[in-house]
N, C-alpha and C. Protein backbone atom coordinates (compact mmCIF):
# COMPACT_ATOMS: atom_id res chain seq x y z
N MET A 1 0.81 -1.19 0.00
CA MET A 1 0.00 0.00 0.00
C MET A 1 0.86 1.26 0.00
N GLY A 2 1.91 1.23 0.78
CA GLY A 2 2.77 2.40 0.87
C GLY A 2 3.37 2.83 -0.45
N ALA A 3 3.81 1.83 -1.23
CA ALA A 3 4.41 2.14 -2.53
C ALA A 3 3.38 2.75 -3.48
N ILE A 4 2.15 2.29 -3.40
CA ILE A 4 1.08 2.85 -4.25
C ILE A 4 0.82 4.29 -3.86
N LEU A 5 0.69 4.55 -2.56
CA LEU A 5 0.43 5.91 -2.09
C LEU A 5 1.58 6.85 -2.48
N GLN A 6 2.81 6.37 -2.34
CA GLN A 6 3.95 7.20 -2.69
C GLN A 6 3.95 7.50 -4.19
N ALA A 7 3.70 6.49 -4.99
CA ALA A 7 3.68 6.70 -6.45
C ALA A 7 2.59 7.68 -6.85
N LEU A 8 1.42 7.56 -6.24
CA LEU A 8 0.32 8.49 -6.55
C LEU A 8 0.68 9.92 -6.14
N ARG A 9 1.29 10.05 -4.95
CA ARG A 9 1.68 11.39 -4.48
C ARG A 9 2.71 12.00 -5.42
N GLU A 10 3.70 11.22 -5.79
CA GLU A 10 4.74 11.73 -6.67
C GLU A 10 4.18 12.07 -8.04
N HIS A 11 3.27 11.24 -8.53
CA HIS A 11 2.64 11.51 -9.83
C HIS A 11 1.84 12.82 -9.78
N ALA A 12 1.27 13.10 -8.61
CA ALA A 12 0.52 14.35 -8.44
C ALA A 12 1.45 15.54 -8.27
N GLY A 13 2.76 15.27 -8.17
CA GLY A 13 3.73 16.35 -8.06
C GLY A 13 3.77 17.02 -6.71
N LEU A 14 3.46 16.26 -5.66
CA LEU A 14 3.39 16.81 -4.32
C LEU A 14 4.50 16.27 -3.43
N SER A 15 5.03 17.14 -2.59
CA SER A 15 5.95 16.68 -1.55
C SER A 15 5.10 16.06 -0.44
N ARG A 16 5.74 15.39 0.49
CA ARG A 16 4.98 14.83 1.62
C ARG A 16 4.31 15.95 2.42
N ALA A 17 5.01 17.06 2.60
CA ALA A 17 4.44 18.18 3.36
C ALA A 17 3.23 18.77 2.65
N GLU A 18 3.33 18.94 1.33
CA GLU A 18 2.20 19.49 0.57
C GLU A 18 1.01 18.53 0.60
N ALA A 19 1.29 17.24 0.45
CA ALA A 19 0.22 16.25 0.49
C ALA A 19 -0.46 16.25 1.85
N ALA A 20 0.34 16.27 2.90
CA ALA A 20 -0.21 16.27 4.26
C ALA A 20 -1.13 17.46 4.48
N GLU A 21 -0.70 18.62 4.04
CA GLU A 21 -1.50 19.83 4.21
C GLU A 21 -2.84 19.70 3.48
N LYS A 22 -2.80 19.19 2.25
CA LYS A 22 -4.03 19.06 1.47
C LYS A 22 -4.96 17.97 2.02
N ILE A 23 -4.37 16.90 2.58
CA ILE A 23 -5.16 15.80 3.13
C ILE A 23 -5.70 16.17 4.51
N GLY A 24 -4.96 17.01 5.23
CA GLY A 24 -5.38 17.42 6.57
C GLY A 24 -4.77 16.58 7.67
N VAL A 25 -3.54 16.08 7.40
CA VAL A 25 -2.82 15.29 8.40
C VAL A 25 -1.41 15.86 8.53
N LYS A 26 -0.65 15.32 9.48
CA LYS A 26 0.73 15.74 9.64
C LYS A 26 1.61 15.05 8.60
N ARG A 27 2.73 15.69 8.27
CA ARG A 27 3.67 15.12 7.31
C ARG A 27 4.13 13.74 7.75
N GLN A 28 4.28 13.54 9.05
CA GLN A 28 4.72 12.25 9.57
C GLN A 28 3.72 11.15 9.24
N ALA A 29 2.44 11.49 9.17
CA ALA A 29 1.43 10.49 8.83
C ALA A 29 1.63 9.99 7.41
N VAL A 30 1.87 10.91 6.48
CA VAL A 30 2.11 10.53 5.09
C VAL A 30 3.36 9.66 5.01
N TYR A 31 4.40 10.03 5.72
CA TYR A 31 5.63 9.24 5.76
C TYR A 31 5.34 7.84 6.28
N GLN A 32 4.61 7.72 7.37
CA GLN A 32 4.32 6.41 7.97
C GLN A 32 3.47 5.55 7.04
N TRP A 33 2.55 6.14 6.31
CA TRP A 33 1.76 5.37 5.33
C TRP A 33 2.67 4.82 4.25
N GLU A 34 3.52 5.68 3.71
CA GLU A 34 4.36 5.29 2.58
C GLU A 34 5.40 4.26 2.97
N TRP A 35 5.84 4.26 4.20
CA TRP A 35 6.83 3.29 4.65
C TRP A 35 6.19 2.06 5.28
N GLY A 36 4.86 2.00 5.31
CA GLY A 36 4.17 0.83 5.81
C GLY A 36 4.10 0.70 7.31
N HIS A 37 4.38 1.79 8.02
CA HIS A 37 4.32 1.75 9.47
C HIS A 37 2.89 1.86 9.98
N LYS A 38 2.05 2.52 9.21
CA LYS A 38 0.64 2.70 9.56
C LYS A 38 -0.20 2.68 8.30
N VAL A 39 -1.48 2.41 8.49
CA VAL A 39 -2.45 2.43 7.38
C VAL A 39 -3.36 3.63 7.61
N PRO A 40 -3.62 4.42 6.58
CA PRO A 40 -4.52 5.56 6.77
C PRO A 40 -5.93 5.09 7.12
N GLY A 41 -6.61 5.88 7.95
CA GLY A 41 -7.99 5.59 8.26
C GLY A 41 -8.86 5.84 7.03
N PRO A 42 -10.10 5.41 7.07
CA PRO A 42 -10.98 5.56 5.91
C PRO A 42 -11.10 7.00 5.40
N GLU A 43 -11.26 7.96 6.30
CA GLU A 43 -11.41 9.36 5.88
C GLU A 43 -10.12 9.89 5.26
N SER A 44 -8.98 9.57 5.87
CA SER A 44 -7.70 10.03 5.34
C SER A 44 -7.41 9.37 4.00
N LEU A 45 -7.74 8.08 3.87
CA LEU A 45 -7.51 7.39 2.61
C LEU A 45 -8.38 7.98 1.50
N THR A 46 -9.62 8.26 1.81
CA THR A 46 -10.52 8.86 0.82
C THR A 46 -9.99 10.23 0.40
N ARG A 47 -9.58 11.02 1.35
CA ARG A 47 -9.07 12.36 1.05
C ARG A 47 -7.77 12.27 0.24
N ALA A 48 -6.88 11.33 0.61
CA ALA A 48 -5.63 11.16 -0.14
C ALA A 48 -5.93 10.80 -1.59
N CYS A 49 -6.88 9.92 -1.80
CA CYS A 49 -7.25 9.53 -3.17
C CYS A 49 -7.77 10.72 -3.95
N GLU A 50 -8.53 11.57 -3.30
CA GLU A 50 -9.04 12.78 -3.96
C GLU A 50 -7.88 13.72 -4.31
N VAL A 51 -7.01 13.96 -3.35
CA VAL A 51 -5.88 14.87 -3.54
C VAL A 51 -4.94 14.34 -4.63
N TYR A 52 -4.73 13.03 -4.66
CA TYR A 52 -3.81 12.42 -5.62
C TYR A 52 -4.49 12.13 -6.95
N ASN A 53 -5.79 12.40 -7.05
CA ASN A 53 -6.55 12.14 -8.27
C ASN A 53 -6.43 10.67 -8.70
N ALA A 54 -6.60 9.77 -7.72
CA ALA A 54 -6.50 8.33 -7.97
C ALA A 54 -7.68 7.85 -8.80
N SER A 55 -7.41 6.90 -9.67
CA SER A 55 -8.47 6.32 -10.49
C SER A 55 -9.39 5.45 -9.63
N VAL A 56 -10.52 5.08 -10.18
CA VAL A 56 -11.45 4.21 -9.45
C VAL A 56 -10.76 2.89 -9.10
N GLY A 57 -10.02 2.33 -10.05
CA GLY A 57 -9.30 1.08 -9.79
C GLY A 57 -8.28 1.21 -8.69
N GLU A 58 -7.54 2.31 -8.69
CA GLU A 58 -6.55 2.56 -7.63
C GLU A 58 -7.24 2.72 -6.28
N ARG A 59 -8.36 3.40 -6.27
CA ARG A 59 -9.10 3.58 -5.02
C ARG A 59 -9.60 2.25 -4.48
N MET A 60 -10.11 1.41 -5.37
CA MET A 60 -10.61 0.10 -4.95
C MET A 60 -9.46 -0.76 -4.41
N ARG A 61 -8.34 -0.74 -5.10
CA ARG A 61 -7.17 -1.52 -4.66
C ARG A 61 -6.71 -1.05 -3.28
N LEU A 62 -6.61 0.26 -3.09
CA LEU A 62 -6.18 0.79 -1.80
C LEU A 62 -7.18 0.47 -0.69
N ALA A 63 -8.47 0.56 -0.99
CA ALA A 63 -9.49 0.22 0.01
C ALA A 63 -9.38 -1.24 0.42
N HIS A 64 -9.14 -2.11 -0.56
CA HIS A 64 -8.98 -3.54 -0.26
C HIS A 64 -7.75 -3.76 0.62
N LEU A 65 -6.65 -3.12 0.27
CA LEU A 65 -5.43 -3.26 1.05
C LEU A 65 -5.62 -2.75 2.47
N ALA A 66 -6.33 -1.64 2.62
CA ALA A 66 -6.57 -1.08 3.95
C ALA A 66 -7.43 -2.02 4.79
N ALA A 67 -8.41 -2.64 4.15
CA ALA A 67 -9.32 -3.51 4.88
C ALA A 67 -8.73 -4.89 5.18
N PHE A 68 -8.00 -5.45 4.20
CA PHE A 68 -7.55 -6.84 4.34
C PHE A 68 -6.06 -7.03 4.43
N GLY A 69 -5.29 -5.99 4.12
CA GLY A 69 -3.85 -6.08 4.26
C GLY A 69 -3.14 -6.85 3.16
N SER A 70 -3.87 -7.22 2.11
CA SER A 70 -3.24 -7.95 1.01
C SER A 70 -4.00 -7.67 -0.28
N GLU A 71 -3.39 -8.04 -1.38
CA GLU A 71 -4.02 -7.87 -2.69
C GLU A 71 -5.19 -8.85 -2.82
N PRO A 72 -6.20 -8.50 -3.61
CA PRO A 72 -7.27 -9.45 -3.88
C PRO A 72 -6.70 -10.69 -4.56
N SER A 73 -7.23 -11.85 -4.23
CA SER A 73 -6.74 -13.08 -4.85
C SER A 73 -7.24 -13.20 -6.27
N GLU A 74 -6.52 -13.93 -7.09
CA GLU A 74 -6.92 -14.15 -8.47
C GLU A 74 -8.25 -14.89 -8.53
N ALA A 75 -8.47 -15.82 -7.60
CA ALA A 75 -9.71 -16.60 -7.59
C ALA A 75 -10.91 -15.69 -7.38
N ALA A 76 -10.75 -14.69 -6.52
CA ALA A 76 -11.85 -13.78 -6.25
C ALA A 76 -12.15 -12.89 -7.46
N ALA A 77 -11.15 -12.66 -8.29
CA ALA A 77 -11.31 -11.79 -9.44
C ALA A 77 -12.05 -12.48 -10.59
N SER A 78 -12.08 -13.80 -10.60
CA SER A 78 -12.73 -14.51 -11.71
C SER A 78 -14.13 -14.93 -11.40
């Protein structure tokens, strides 16, 4: 999850501090998400997706990771 959030933030052209300000959290929170130390809560994750202009697919993937801690299985996808 952290790598996805970092890639989205960087694609949006934002520093961690800028992202944190727009999301409404501290810079340390963004750092902890990206390094896998913590998972953003539902409100923060939703706001991050809005700020990063994440696609529907990216939002669904991140929501799944936040809820279950792993990627959806291939069996579930078919």
